[in-house]
C-alpha cells in the first residue's frame, strides 16, 4: 500500500506543475493578444500620431471594459483580476500615452480626420 500512496503523491505534484504551466501559457497568449493590435497600430499609422491614437484606443478600451463590468455587475473587490481592474489599467495606459504625446501630434491626428471627412 505504501507504494500506491507515494505514486499518487507524485501524480498530484505533476498535476500541479501542469496547472502552473497552463497559467503561464494563458499569460503568454494574453500578452501576445495585447501586443498584436499595438504592432498593427504602429505599422498602419504614421509615426507622429501613434501615441495620440494609442491614447484614444486605450481610453475607448477602458470605457468598453468599464461598461462590461457595469452591466455584468462584476465585483469590485476580489482576490482575482476583475473587469474593473482591466478598465483601470487601460485608463492608466491611455492617460500616460496622452501625457507623453506632444500637442502638435494631437493636432495632426485631428487634422487627418477632418481631411477624410
PDB file of N, CA and C in Angstrom:
ATOM      1  N   UNK A   1       0.800  -1.196   0.000  1.00  0.00           N
ATOM      2  CA  UNK A   1       0.000   0.000   0.000  1.00  0.00           C
ATOM      3  C   UNK A   1       0.847   1.266   0.000  1.00  0.00           C
ATOM      4  N   UNK A   2       1.981   1.206   0.619  1.00  0.00           N
ATOM      5  CA  UNK A   2       2.822   2.388   0.679  1.00  0.00           C
ATOM      6  C   UNK A   2       3.276   2.803  -0.711  1.00  0.00           C
ATOM      7  N   UNK A   3       3.444   1.826  -1.565  1.00  0.00           N
ATOM      8  CA  UNK A   3       3.851   2.141  -2.924  1.00  0.00           C
ATOM      9  C   UNK A   3       2.790   2.970  -3.648  1.00  0.00           C
ATOM     10  N   UNK A   4       1.534   2.600  -3.476  1.00  0.00           N
ATOM     11  CA  UNK A   4       0.463   3.311  -4.171  1.00  0.00           C
ATOM     12  C   UNK A   4       0.306   4.731  -3.649  1.00  0.00           C
ATOM     13  N   UNK A   5       0.465   4.922  -2.392  1.00  0.00           N
ATOM     14  CA  UNK A   5       0.334   6.261  -1.831  1.00  0.00           C
ATOM     15  C   UNK A   5       1.441   7.181  -2.346  1.00  0.00           C
ATOM     16  N   UNK A   6       2.654   6.671  -2.429  1.00  0.00           N
ATOM     17  CA  UNK A   6       3.741   7.511  -2.915  1.00  0.00           C
ATOM     18  C   UNK A   6       3.571   7.821  -4.401  1.00  0.00           C
ATOM     19  N   UNK A   7       3.068   6.863  -5.168  1.00  0.00           N
ATOM     20  CA  UNK A   7       2.840   7.109  -6.591  1.00  0.00           C
ATOM     21  C   UNK A   7       1.745   8.145  -6.769  1.00  0.00           C
ATOM     22  N   UNK A   8       0.724   8.064  -5.934  1.00  0.00           N
ATOM     23  CA  UNK A   8      -0.364   9.028  -6.021  1.00  0.00           C
ATOM     24  C   UNK A   8       0.135  10.427  -5.688  1.00  0.00           C
ATOM     25  N   UNK A   9       1.032  10.534  -4.742  1.00  0.00           N
ATOM     26  CA  UNK A   9       1.611  11.826  -4.403  1.00  0.00           C
ATOM     27  C   UNK A   9       2.412  12.408  -5.556  1.00  0.00           C
ATOM     28  N   UNK A  10       3.096  11.552  -6.300  1.00  0.00           N
ATOM     29  CA  UNK A  10       3.860  12.026  -7.450  1.00  0.00           C
ATOM     30  C   UNK A  10       2.946  12.556  -8.544  1.00  0.00           C
ATOM     31  N   UNK A  11       1.833  11.899  -8.785  1.00  0.00           N
ATOM     32  CA  UNK A  11       0.927  12.378  -9.832  1.00  0.00           C
ATOM     33  C   UNK A  11       0.287  13.689  -9.429  1.00  0.00           C
ATOM     34  N   UNK A  12      -0.012  13.857  -8.129  1.00  0.00           N
ATOM     35  CA  UNK A  12      -0.561  15.133  -7.681  1.00  0.00           C
ATOM     36  C   UNK A  12       0.436  16.263  -7.893  1.00  0.00           C
ATOM     37  N   UNK A  13       1.710  15.998  -7.619  1.00  0.00           N
ATOM     38  CA  UNK A  13       2.744  17.006  -7.830  1.00  0.00           C
ATOM     39  C   UNK A  13       2.881  17.320  -9.312  1.00  0.00           C
ATOM     40  N   UNK A  14       2.808  16.293 -10.141  1.00  0.00           N
ATOM     41  CA  UNK A  14       2.906  16.515 -11.587  1.00  0.00           C
ATOM     42  C   UNK A  14       1.725  17.328 -12.086  1.00  0.00           C
ATOM     43  N   UNK A  15       0.554  17.060 -11.567  1.00  0.00           N
ATOM     44  CA  UNK A  15      -0.626  17.835 -11.982  1.00  0.00           C
ATOM     45  C   UNK A  15      -0.487  19.295 -11.597  1.00  0.00           C
ATOM     46  N   UNK A  16       0.027  19.558 -10.411  1.00  0.00           N
ATOM     47  CA  UNK A  16       0.219  20.950 -10.001  1.00  0.00           C
ATOM     48  C   UNK A  16       1.199  21.653 -10.930  1.00  0.00           C
ATOM     49  N   UNK A  17       2.216  20.942 -11.359  1.00  0.00           N
ATOM     50  CA  UNK A  17       3.176  21.516 -12.291  1.00  0.00           C
ATOM     51  C   UNK A  17       2.541  21.846 -13.623  1.00  0.00           C
ATOM     52  N   UNK A  18       1.660  20.973 -14.086  1.00  0.00           N
ATOM     53  CA  UNK A  18       0.961  21.232 -15.349  1.00  0.00           C
ATOM     54  C   UNK A  18      -0.003  22.401 -15.215  1.00  0.00           C
ATOM     55  N   UNK A  19      -0.637  22.534 -14.060  1.00  0.00           N
ATOM     56  CA  UNK A  19      -1.530  23.679 -13.839  1.00  0.00           C
ATOM     57  C   UNK A  19      -0.745  24.977 -13.890  1.00  0.00           C
ATOM     58  N   UNK A  20       0.444  24.986 -13.320  1.00  0.00           N
ATOM     59  CA  UNK A  20       1.290  26.167 -13.378  1.00  0.00           C
ATOM     60  C   UNK A  20       1.671  26.476 -14.821  1.00  0.00           C
ATOM     61  N   UNK A  21       1.964  25.440 -15.587  1.00  0.00           N
ATOM     62  CA  UNK A  21       2.320  25.625 -16.987  1.00  0.00           C
ATOM     63  C   UNK A  21       1.136  26.160 -17.789  1.00  0.00           C
ATOM     64  N   UNK A  22      -0.059  25.690 -17.482  1.00  0.00           N
ATOM     65  CA  UNK A  22      -1.256  26.192 -18.161  1.00  0.00           C
ATOM     66  C   UNK A  22      -1.453  27.683 -17.885  1.00  0.00           C
ATOM     67  N   UNK A  23      -1.202  28.092 -16.651  1.00  0.00           N
ATOM     68  CA  UNK A  23      -1.332  29.512 -16.309  1.00  0.00           C
ATOM     69  C   UNK A  23      -0.304  30.347 -17.066  1.00  0.00           C
ATOM     70  N   UNK A  24       0.897  29.834 -17.217  1.00  0.00           N
ATOM     71  CA  UNK A  24       1.939  30.553 -17.947  1.00  0.00           C
ATOM     72  C   UNK A  24       1.600  30.656 -19.428  1.00  0.00           C
ATOM     73  N   UNK A  25       1.031  29.594 -19.978  1.00  0.00           N
ATOM     74  CA  UNK A  25       0.634  29.623 -21.391  1.00  0.00           C
ATOM     75  C   UNK A  25      -0.493  30.623 -21.600  1.00  0.00           C
ATOM     76  N   UNK A  26      -1.449  30.663 -20.685  1.00  0.00           N
ATOM     77  CA  UNK A  26      -2.535  31.652 -20.779  1.00  0.00           C
ATOM     78  C   UNK A  26      -1.989  33.072 -20.715  1.00  0.00           C
ATOM     79  N   UNK A  27      -1.050  33.304 -19.816  1.00  0.00           N
ATOM     80  CA  UNK A  27      -0.449  34.634 -19.699  1.00  0.00           C
ATOM     81  C   UNK A  27       0.278  35.017 -20.980  1.00  0.00           C
ATOM     82  N   UNK A  28       1.018  34.089 -21.555  1.00  0.00           N
ATOM     83  CA  UNK A  28       1.718  34.373 -22.812  1.00  0.00           C
ATOM     84  C   UNK A  28       0.733  34.655 -23.937  1.00  0.00           C
ATOM     85  N   UNK A  29      -0.373  33.938 -23.970  1.00  0.00           N
ATOM     86  CA  UNK A  29      -1.386  34.177 -25.000  1.00  0.00           C
ATOM     87  C   UNK A  29      -2.026  35.549 -24.816  1.00  0.00           C
ATOM     88  N   UNK A  30      -2.292  35.951 -23.585  1.00  0.00           N
ATOM     89  CA  UNK A  30      -2.870  37.274 -23.342  1.00  0.00           C
ATOM     90  C   UNK A  30      -1.903  38.391 -23.714  1.00  0.00           C
ATOM     91  N   UNK A  31      -0.633  38.206 -23.407  1.00  0.00           N
ATOM     92  CA  UNK A  31       0.366  39.214 -23.771  1.00  0.00           C
ATOM     93  C   UNK A  31       0.471  39.327 -25.291  1.00  0.00           C
ATOM     94  N   UNK A  32       0.458  38.187 -25.979  1.00  0.00           N
ATOM     95  CA  UNK A  32       0.504  38.210 -27.445  1.00  0.00           C
ATOM     96  C   UNK A  32      -0.743  38.865 -28.018  1.00  0.00           C
ATOM     97  N   UNK A  33      -1.898  38.567 -27.429  1.00  0.00           N
ATOM     98  CA  UNK A  33      -3.138  39.173 -27.906  1.00  0.00           C
ATOM     99  C   UNK A  33      -3.155  40.680 -27.674  1.00  0.00           C
ATOM    100  N   UNK A  34      -2.514  41.139 -26.625  1.00  0.00           N
ATOM    101  CA  UNK A  34      -2.443  42.574 -26.368  1.00  0.00           C
ATOM    102  C   UNK A  34      -1.402  43.252 -27.250  1.00  0.00           C
ATOM    103  N   UNK A  35      -0.349  42.535 -27.619  1.00  0.00           N
ATOM    104  CA  UNK A  35       0.719  43.131 -28.411  1.00  0.00           C
ATOM    105  C   UNK A  35       0.368  43.233 -29.887  1.00  0.00           C
ATOM    106  N   UNK A  36      -0.442  42.340 -30.393  1.00  0.00           N
ATOM    107  CA  UNK A  36      -0.770  42.333 -31.827  1.00  0.00           C
ATOM    108  C   UNK A  36      -1.463  43.628 -32.259  1.00  0.00           C
ATOM    109  N   UNK A  37      -2.511  44.105 -31.565  1.00  0.00           N
ATOM    110  CA  UNK A  37      -3.114  45.377 -32.010  1.00  0.00           C
ATOM    111  C   UNK A  37      -2.145  46.555 -31.949  1.00  0.00           C
ATOM    112  N   UNK A  38      -1.256  46.548 -30.956  1.00  0.00           N
ATOM    113  CA  UNK A  38      -0.267  47.619 -30.870  1.00  0.00           C
ATOM    114  C   UNK A  38       0.688  47.584 -32.050  1.00  0.00           C
ATOM    115  N   UNK A  39       1.121  46.406 -32.436  1.00  0.00           N
ATOM    116  CA  UNK A  39       2.017  46.284 -33.592  1.00  0.00           C
ATOM    117  C   UNK A  39       1.311  46.665 -34.889  1.00  0.00           C
ATOM    118  N   UNK A  40       0.039  46.308 -35.010  1.00  0.00           N
ATOM    119  CA  UNK A  40      -0.740  46.701 -36.193  1.00  0.00           C
ATOM    120  C   UNK A  40      -0.897  48.215 -36.226  1.00  0.00           C
ATOM    121  N   UNK A  41      -1.156  48.814 -35.071  1.00  0.00           N
ATOM    122  CA  UNK A  41      -1.285  50.269 -34.989  1.00  0.00           C
ATOM    123  C   UNK A  41       0.012  50.947 -35.418  1.00  0.00           C
ATOM    124  N   UNK A  42       1.135  50.457 -34.935  1.00  0.00           N
ATOM    125  CA  UNK A  42       2.424  51.050 -35.291  1.00  0.00           C
ATOM    126  C   UNK A  42       2.703  50.900 -36.785  1.00  0.00           C
ATOM    127  N   UNK A  43       2.303  49.766 -37.357  1.00  0.00           N
ATOM    128  CA  UNK A  43       2.570  49.522 -38.776  1.00  0.00           C
ATOM    129  C   UNK A  43       1.676  50.350 -39.692  1.00  0.00           C
ATOM    130  N   UNK A  44       0.453  50.655 -39.283  1.00  0.00           N
ATOM    131  CA  UNK A  44      -0.505  51.295 -40.183  1.00  0.00           C
ATOM    132  C   UNK A  44      -0.620  52.810 -40.020  1.00  0.00           C
ATOM    133  N   UNK A  45      -0.195  53.325 -38.878  1.00  0.00           N
ATOM    134  CA  UNK A  45      -0.378  54.748 -38.587  1.00  0.00           C
ATOM    135  C   UNK A  45       0.964  55.454 -38.726  1.00  0.00           C
ATOM    136  N   UNK A  46       0.986  56.658 -39.287  1.00  0.00           N
ATOM    137  CA  UNK A  46       2.243  57.412 -39.365  1.00  0.00           C
ATOM    138  C   UNK A  46       2.828  57.660 -37.969  1.00  0.00           C
ATOM    139  N   UNK A  47       4.132  57.655 -37.888  1.00  0.00           N
ATOM    140  CA  UNK A  47       4.835  57.742 -36.601  1.00  0.00           C
ATOM    141  C   UNK A  47       4.392  58.913 -35.711  1.00  0.00           C
ATOM    142  N   UNK A  48       4.180  60.114 -36.237  1.00  0.00           N
ATOM    143  CA  UNK A  48       3.856  61.226 -35.321  1.00  0.00           C
ATOM    144  C   UNK A  48       2.534  61.063 -34.582  1.00  0.00           C
ATOM    145  N   UNK A  49       1.609  60.272 -35.111  1.00  0.00           N
ATOM    146  CA  UNK A  49       0.314  60.182 -34.443  1.00  0.00           C
ATOM    147  C   UNK A  49       0.066  58.829 -33.782  1.00  0.00           C
ATOM    148  N   UNK A  50       1.120  58.038 -33.581  1.00  0.00           N
ATOM    149  CA  UNK A  50       0.950  56.732 -32.926  1.00  0.00           C
ATOM    150  C   UNK A  50       0.499  56.915 -31.476  1.00  0.00           C
ATOM    151  N   UNK A  51       1.161  57.774 -30.712  1.00  0.00           N
ATOM    152  CA  UNK A  51       0.797  57.955 -29.307  1.00  0.00           C
ATOM    153  C   UNK A  51      -0.610  58.525 -29.110  1.00  0.00           C
ATOM    154  N   UNK A  52      -1.014  59.573 -29.840  1.00  0.00           N
ATOM    155  CA  UNK A  52      -2.389  60.038 -29.660  1.00  0.00           C
ATOM    156  C   UNK A  52      -3.432  58.985 -30.046  1.00  0.00           C
ATOM    157  N   UNK A  53      -3.139  58.218 -31.085  1.00  0.00           N
ATOM    158  CA  UNK A  53      -4.064  57.164 -31.491  1.00  0.00           C
ATOM    159  C   UNK A  53      -4.110  56.062 -30.430  1.00  0.00           C
ATOM    160  N   UNK A  54      -2.947  55.709 -29.886  1.00  0.00           N
ATOM    161  CA  UNK A  54      -2.891  54.700 -28.834  1.00  0.00           C
ATOM    162  C   UNK A  54      -3.638  55.184 -27.595  1.00  0.00           C
ATOM    163  N   UNK A  55      -3.520  56.464 -27.289  1.00  0.00           N
ATOM    164  CA  UNK A  55      -4.253  57.051 -26.166  1.00  0.00           C
ATOM    165  C   UNK A  55      -5.758  56.902 -26.374  1.00  0.00           C
ATOM    166  N   UNK A  56      -6.222  57.253 -27.551  1.00  0.00           N
ATOM    167  CA  UNK A  56      -7.656  57.164 -27.838  1.00  0.00           C
ATOM    168  C   UNK A  56      -8.147  55.721 -27.794  1.00  0.00           C
ATOM    169  N   UNK A  57      -7.368  54.804 -28.331  1.00  0.00           N
ATOM    170  CA  UNK A  57      -7.773  53.396 -28.325  1.00  0.00           C
ATOM    171  C   UNK A  57      -7.773  52.812 -26.912  1.00  0.00           C
ATOM    172  N   UNK A  58      -6.787  53.171 -26.111  1.00  0.00           N
ATOM    173  CA  UNK A  58      -6.738  52.663 -24.741  1.00  0.00           C
ATOM    174  C   UNK A  58      -7.899  53.206 -23.917  1.00  0.00           C
ATOM    175  N   UNK A  59      -8.231  54.482 -24.099  1.00  0.00           N
ATOM    176  CA  UNK A  59      -9.360  55.048 -23.360  1.00  0.00           C
ATOM    177  C   UNK A  59     -10.689  54.465 -23.836  1.00  0.00           C
ATOM    178  N   UNK A  60     -10.799  54.184 -25.127  1.00  0.00           N
ATOM    179  CA  UNK A  60     -12.007  53.521 -25.632  1.00  0.00           C
ATOM    180  C   UNK A  60     -12.108  52.100 -25.077  1.00  0.00           C
ATOM    181  N   UNK A  61     -10.982  51.397 -25.001  1.00  0.00           N
ATOM    182  CA  UNK A  61     -10.977  50.065 -24.400  1.00  0.00           C
ATOM    183  C   UNK A  61     -11.333  50.106 -22.929  1.00  0.00           C
ATOM    184  N   UNK A  62     -10.872  51.135 -22.236  1.00  0.00           N
ATOM    185  CA  UNK A  62     -11.223  51.300 -20.822  1.00  0.00           C
ATOM    186  C   UNK A  62     -12.718  51.539 -20.662  1.00  0.00           C
ATOM    187  N   UNK A  63     -13.283  52.337 -21.544  1.00  0.00           N
ATOM    188  CA  UNK A  63     -14.730  52.584 -21.482  1.00  0.00           C
ATOM    189  C   UNK A  63     -15.521  51.307 -21.753  1.00  0.00           C
ATOM    190  N   UNK A  64     -15.069  50.517 -22.728  1.00  0.00           N
ATOM    191  CA  UNK A  64     -15.749  49.255 -23.018  1.00  0.00           C
ATOM    192  C   UNK A  64     -15.627  48.270 -21.854  1.00  0.00           C
ATOM    193  N   UNK A  65     -14.440  48.180 -21.262  1.00  0.00           N
ATOM    194  CA  UNK A  65     -14.252  47.278 -20.125  1.00  0.00           C
ATOM    195  C   UNK A  65     -15.087  47.728 -18.929  1.00  0.00           C
ATOM    196  N   UNK A  66     -15.173  49.032 -18.703  1.00  0.00           N
ATOM    197  CA  UNK A  66     -15.988  49.540 -17.603  1.00  0.00           C
ATOM    198  C   UNK A  66     -17.475  49.298 -17.862  1.00  0.00           C
ATOM    199  N   UNK A  67     -17.902  49.463 -19.104  1.00  0.00           N
ATOM    200  CA  UNK A  67     -19.308  49.192 -19.433  1.00  0.00           C
ATOM    201  C   UNK A  67     -19.623  47.708 -19.240  1.00  0.00           C
ATOM    202  N   UNK A  68     -18.699  46.846 -19.660  1.00  0.00           N
ATOM    203  CA  UNK A  68     -18.894  45.411 -19.453  1.00  0.00           C
ATOM    204  C   UNK A  68     -18.980  45.095 -17.972  1.00  0.00           C
ATOM    205  N   UNK A  69     -18.091  45.689 -17.172  1.00  0.00           N
ATOM    206  CA  UNK A  69     -18.096  45.442 -15.731  1.00  0.00           C
ATOM    207  C   UNK A  69     -19.377  45.957 -15.092  1.00  0.00           C
ATOM    208  N   UNK A  70     -19.849  47.095 -15.562  1.00  0.00           N
ATOM    209  CA  UNK A  70     -21.059  47.681 -15.001  1.00  0.00           C
ATOM    210  C   UNK A  70     -22.285  46.821 -15.317  1.00  0.00           C
ATOM    211  N   UNK A  71     -22.432  46.439 -16.574  1.00  0.00           N
ATOM    212  CA  UNK A  71     -23.617  45.681 -16.958  1.00  0.00           C
ATOM    213  C   UNK A  71     -23.582  44.234 -16.493  1.00  0.00           C
ATOM    214  N   UNK A  72     -22.390  43.673 -16.291  1.00  0.00           N
ATOM    215  CA  UNK A  72     -22.305  42.309 -15.777  1.00  0.00           C
ATOM    216  C   UNK A  72     -22.304  42.284 -14.246  1.00  0.00           C
ATOM    217  N   UNK A  73     -22.345  43.457 -13.650  1.00  0.00           N
ATOM    218  CA  UNK A  73     -22.355  43.622 -12.193  1.00  0.00           C
ATOM    219  C   UNK A  73     -21.194  42.879 -11.539  1.00  0.00           C
ATOM    220  N   UNK A  74     -20.021  43.100 -12.109  1.00  0.00           N
ATOM    221  CA  UNK A  74     -18.808  42.458 -11.601  1.00  0.00           C
ATOM    222  C   UNK A  74     -18.455  43.016 -10.229  1.00  0.00           C
ATOM    223  N   UNK A  75     -17.923  42.157  -9.399  1.00  0.00           N
ATOM    224  CA  UNK A  75     -17.497  42.579  -8.067  1.00  0.00           C
ATOM    225  C   UNK A  75     -16.289  43.492  -8.197  1.00  0.00           C
ATOM    226  N   UNK A  76     -16.236  44.488  -7.365  1.00  0.00           N
ATOM    227  CA  UNK A  76     -15.130  45.439  -7.447  1.00  0.00           C
ATOM    228  C   UNK A  76     -13.939  45.007  -6.625  1.00  0.00           C
ATOM    229  N   UNK A  77     -14.185  44.283  -5.565  1.00  0.00           N
ATOM    230  CA  UNK A  77     -13.090  43.853  -4.698  1.00  0.00           C
ATOM    231  C   UNK A  77     -13.042  42.337  -4.707  1.00  0.00           C
ATOM    232  N   UNK A  78     -11.958  41.829  -5.216  1.00  0.00           N
ATOM    233  CA  UNK A  78     -11.769  40.395  -5.311  1.00  0.00           C
ATOM    234  C   UNK A  78     -10.283  40.093  -5.256  1.00  0.00           C
ATOM    235  N   UNK A  79      -9.945  38.845  -4.991  1.00  0.00           N
ATOM    236  CA  UNK A  79      -8.547  38.457  -4.977  1.00  0.00           C
ATOM    237  C   UNK A  79      -8.024  38.260  -6.394  1.00  0.00           C
ATOM    238  N   UNK A  80      -8.903  38.105  -7.339  1.00  0.00           N
ATOM    239  CA  UNK A  80      -8.521  37.911  -8.735  1.00  0.00           C
ATOM    240  C   UNK A  80      -8.693  39.211  -9.511  1.00  0.00           C
ATOM    241  N   UNK A  81      -8.213  39.212 -10.731  1.00  0.00           N
ATOM    242  CA  UNK A  81      -8.347  40.386 -11.586  1.00  0.00           C
ATOM    243  C   UNK A  81      -9.789  40.477 -12.068  1.00  0.00           C
ATOM    244  N   UNK A  82     -10.383  41.641 -11.907  1.00  0.00           N
ATOM    245  CA  UNK A  82     -11.768  41.864 -12.307  1.00  0.00           C
ATOM    246  C   UNK A  82     -11.805  42.765 -13.543  1.00  0.00           C
ATOM    247  N   UNK A  83     -12.953  42.849 -14.210  1.00  0.00           N
ATOM    248  CA  UNK A  83     -13.060  43.789 -15.329  1.00  0.00           C
ATOM    249  C   UNK A  83     -12.798  45.235 -14.910  1.00  0.00           C
ATOM    250  N   UNK A  84     -13.080  45.560 -13.651  1.00  0.00           N
ATOM    251  CA  UNK A  84     -12.784  46.908 -13.167  1.00  0.00           C
ATOM    252  C   UNK A  84     -11.281  47.149 -13.147  1.00  0.00           C
ATOM    253  N   UNK A  85     -10.507  46.146 -12.803  1.00  0.00           N
ATOM    254  CA  UNK A  85      -9.046  46.279 -12.821  1.00  0.00           C
ATOM    255  C   UNK A  85      -8.536  46.489 -14.241  1.00  0.00           C
ATOM    256  N   UNK A  86      -9.110  45.751 -15.173  1.00  0.00           N
ATOM    257  CA  UNK A  86      -8.711  45.889 -16.578  1.00  0.00           C
ATOM    258  C   UNK A  86      -9.041  47.293 -17.083  1.00  0.00           C
ATOM    259  N   UNK A  87     -10.230  47.776 -16.736  1.00  0.00           N
ATOM    260  CA  UNK A  87     -10.627  49.130 -17.155  1.00  0.00           C
ATOM    261  C   UNK A  87      -9.689  50.178 -16.558  1.00  0.00           C
ATOM    262  N   UNK A  88      -9.331  50.012 -15.307  1.00  0.00           N
ATOM    263  CA  UNK A  88      -8.407  50.952 -14.671  1.00  0.00           C
ATOM    264  C   UNK A  88      -7.026  50.923 -15.293  1.00  0.00           C
ATOM    265  N   UNK A  89      -6.543  49.728 -15.618  1.00  0.00           N
ATOM    266  CA  UNK A  89      -5.225  49.615 -16.254  1.00  0.00           C
ATOM    267  C   UNK A  89      -5.225  50.256 -17.633  1.00  0.00           C
ATOM    268  N   UNK A  90      -6.282  50.021 -18.403  1.00  0.00           N
ATOM    269  CA  UNK A  90      -6.364  50.639 -19.732  1.00  0.00           C
ATOM    270  C   UNK A  90      -6.466  52.157 -19.641  1.00  0.00           C
ATOM    271  N   UNK A  91      -7.213  52.646 -18.665  1.00  0.00           N
ATOM    272  CA  UNK A  91      -7.311  54.103 -18.486  1.00  0.00           C
ATOM    273  C   UNK A  91      -5.954  54.689 -18.104  1.00  0.00           C
ATOM    274  N   UNK A  92      -5.238  54.012 -17.229  1.00  0.00           N
ATOM    275  CA  UNK A  92      -3.910  54.484 -16.837  1.00  0.00           C
ATOM    276  C   UNK A  92      -2.969  54.519 -18.039  1.00  0.00           C
ATOM    277  N   UNK A  93      -2.996  53.469 -18.845  1.00  0.00           N
ATOM    278  CA  UNK A  93      -2.147  53.420 -20.042  1.00  0.00           C
ATOM    279  C   UNK A  93      -2.542  54.525 -21.020  1.00  0.00           C
ATOM    280  N   UNK A  94      -3.841  54.737 -21.197  1.00  0.00           N
ATOM    281  CA  UNK A  94      -4.312  55.775 -22.111  1.00  0.00           C
ATOM    282  C   UNK A  94      -3.907  57.169 -21.668  1.00  0.00           C
ATOM    283  N   UNK A  95      -4.053  57.439 -20.370  1.00  0.00           N
ATOM    284  CA  UNK A  95      -3.670  58.759 -19.874  1.00  0.00           C
ATOM    285  C   UNK A  95      -2.160  58.961 -19.936  1.00  0.00           C
ATOM    286  N   UNK A  96      -1.398  57.896 -19.713  1.00  0.00           N
ATOM    287  CA  UNK A  96       0.055  58.010 -19.815  1.00  0.00           C
ATOM    288  C   UNK A  96       0.472  58.282 -21.256  1.00  0.00           C
ATOM    289  N   UNK A  97      -0.156  57.601 -22.204  1.00  0.00           N
ATOM    290  CA  UNK A  97       0.156  57.860 -23.615  1.00  0.00           C
ATOM    291  C   UNK A  97      -0.230  59.278 -24.004  1.00  0.00           C
ATOM    292  N   UNK A  98      -1.340  59.766 -23.470  1.00  0.00           N
ATOM    293  CA  UNK A  98      -1.755  61.137 -23.755  1.00  0.00           C
ATOM    294  C   UNK A  98      -0.809  62.163 -23.145  1.00  0.00           C
ATOM    295  N   UNK A  99      -0.282  61.858 -21.963  1.00  0.00           N
ATOM    296  CA  UNK A  99       0.637  62.792 -21.314  1.00  0.00           C
ATOM    297  C   UNK A  99       1.991  62.834 -22.013  1.00  0.00           C
ATOM    298  N   UNK A 100       2.397  61.716 -22.577  1.00  0.00           N
ATOM    299  CA  UNK A 100       3.693  61.656 -23.263  1.00  0.00           C
ATOM    300  C   UNK A 100       3.634  62.311 -24.639  1.00  0.00           C
ATOM    301  N   UNK A 101       2.488  62.235 -25.293  1.00  0.00           N
ATOM    302  CA  UNK A 101       2.391  62.767 -26.658  1.00  0.00           C
ATOM    303  C   UNK A 101       2.463  64.292 -26.657  1.00  0.00           C
ATOM    304  N   UNK A 102       2.958  64.828 -27.747  1.00  0.00           N
ATOM    305  CA  UNK A 102       3.106  66.272 -27.912  1.00  0.00           C
ATOM    306  C   UNK A 102       1.799  66.870 -28.444  1.00  0.00           C
ATOM    307  N   UNK A 103       1.515  68.132 -28.128  1.00  0.00           N
ATOM    308  CA  UNK A 103       0.282  68.753 -28.614  1.00  0.00           C
ATOM    309  C   UNK A 103       0.184  68.812 -30.142  1.00  0.00           C
ATOM    310  N   UNK A 104       1.305  69.026 -30.811  1.00  0.00           N
ATOM    311  CA  UNK A 104       1.242  69.085 -32.274  1.00  0.00           C
ATOM    312  C   UNK A 104       0.923  67.716 -32.873  1.00  0.00           C
ATOM    313  N   UNK A 105       1.281  66.637 -32.168  1.00  0.00           N
ATOM    314  CA  UNK A 105       0.915  65.304 -32.634  1.00  0.00           C
ATOM    315  C   UNK A 105      -0.594  65.090 -32.546  1.00  0.00           C
ATOM    316  N   UNK A 106      -1.193  65.615 -31.502  1.00  0.00           N
ATOM    317  CA  UNK A 106      -2.649  65.501 -31.354  1.00  0.00           C
ATOM    318  C   UNK A 106      -3.343  66.308 -32.443  1.00  0.00           C
ATOM    319  N   UNK A 107      -2.814  67.483 -32.753  1.00  0.00           N
ATOM    320  CA  UNK A 107      -3.386  68.290 -33.832  1.00  0.00           C
ATOM    321  C   UNK A 107      -3.284  67.573 -35.167  1.00  0.00           C
ATOM    322  N   UNK A 108      -2.171  66.889 -35.416  1.00  0.00           N
ATOM    323  CA  UNK A 108      -2.039  66.101 -36.643  1.00  0.00           C
ATOM    324  C   UNK A 108      -3.093  65.003 -36.712  1.00  0.00           C
ATOM    325  N   UNK A 109      -3.408  64.408 -35.576  1.00  0.00           N
ATOM    326  CA  UNK A 109      -4.424  63.355 -35.539  1.00  0.00           C
ATOM    327  C   UNK A 109      -5.778  63.913 -35.956  1.00  0.00           C
ATOM    328  N   UNK A 110      -6.146  65.067 -35.421  1.00  0.00           N
ATOM    329  CA  UNK A 110      -7.448  65.638 -35.755  1.00  0.00           C
ATOM    330  C   UNK A 110      -7.474  66.249 -37.147  1.00  0.00           C
ATOM    331  N   UNK A 111      -6.341  66.752 -37.627  1.00  0.00           N
ATOM    332  CA  UNK A 111      -6.298  67.275 -38.994  1.00  0.00           C
ATOM    333  C   UNK A 111      -6.504  66.159 -39.997  1.00  0.00           C
ATOM    334  N   UNK A 112      -5.922  65.007 -39.769  1.00  0.00           N
ATOM    335  CA  UNK A 112      -6.105  63.868 -40.663  1.00  0.00           C
ATOM    336  C   UNK A 112      -7.554  63.417 -40.695  1.00  0.00           C
ATOM    337  N   UNK A 113      -8.200  63.420 -39.549  1.00  0.00           N
ATOM    338  CA  UNK A 113      -9.604  63.007 -39.508  1.00  0.00           C
ATOM    339  C   UNK A 113     -10.486  64.014 -40.227  1.00  0.00           C
ATOM    340  N   UNK A 114     -10.194  65.308 -40.103  1.00  0.00           N
ATOM    341  CA  UNK A 114     -11.022  66.299 -40.783  1.00  0.00           C
ATOM    342  C   UNK A 114     -10.810  66.270 -42.292  1.00  0.00           C
ATOM    343  N   UNK A 115      -9.621  65.884 -42.744  1.00  0.00           N
ATOM    344  CA  UNK A 115      -9.362  65.796 -44.168  1.00  0.00           C
ATOM    345  C   UNK A 115     -10.116  64.638 -44.816  1.00  0.00           C
ATOM    346  N   UNK A 116     -10.316  63.550 -44.057  1.00  0.00           N
ATOM    347  CA  UNK A 116     -11.003  62.390 -44.640  1.00  0.00           C
ATOM    348  C   UNK A 116     -12.501  62.552 -44.643  1.00  0.00           C
ATOM    349  N   UNK A 117     -13.039  63.486 -43.888  1.00  0.00           N
ATOM    350  CA  UNK A 117     -14.494  63.651 -43.830  1.00  0.00           C
ATOM    351  C   UNK A 117     -15.026  64.525 -44.892  1.00  0.00           C
TER     352      UNK A 117
END
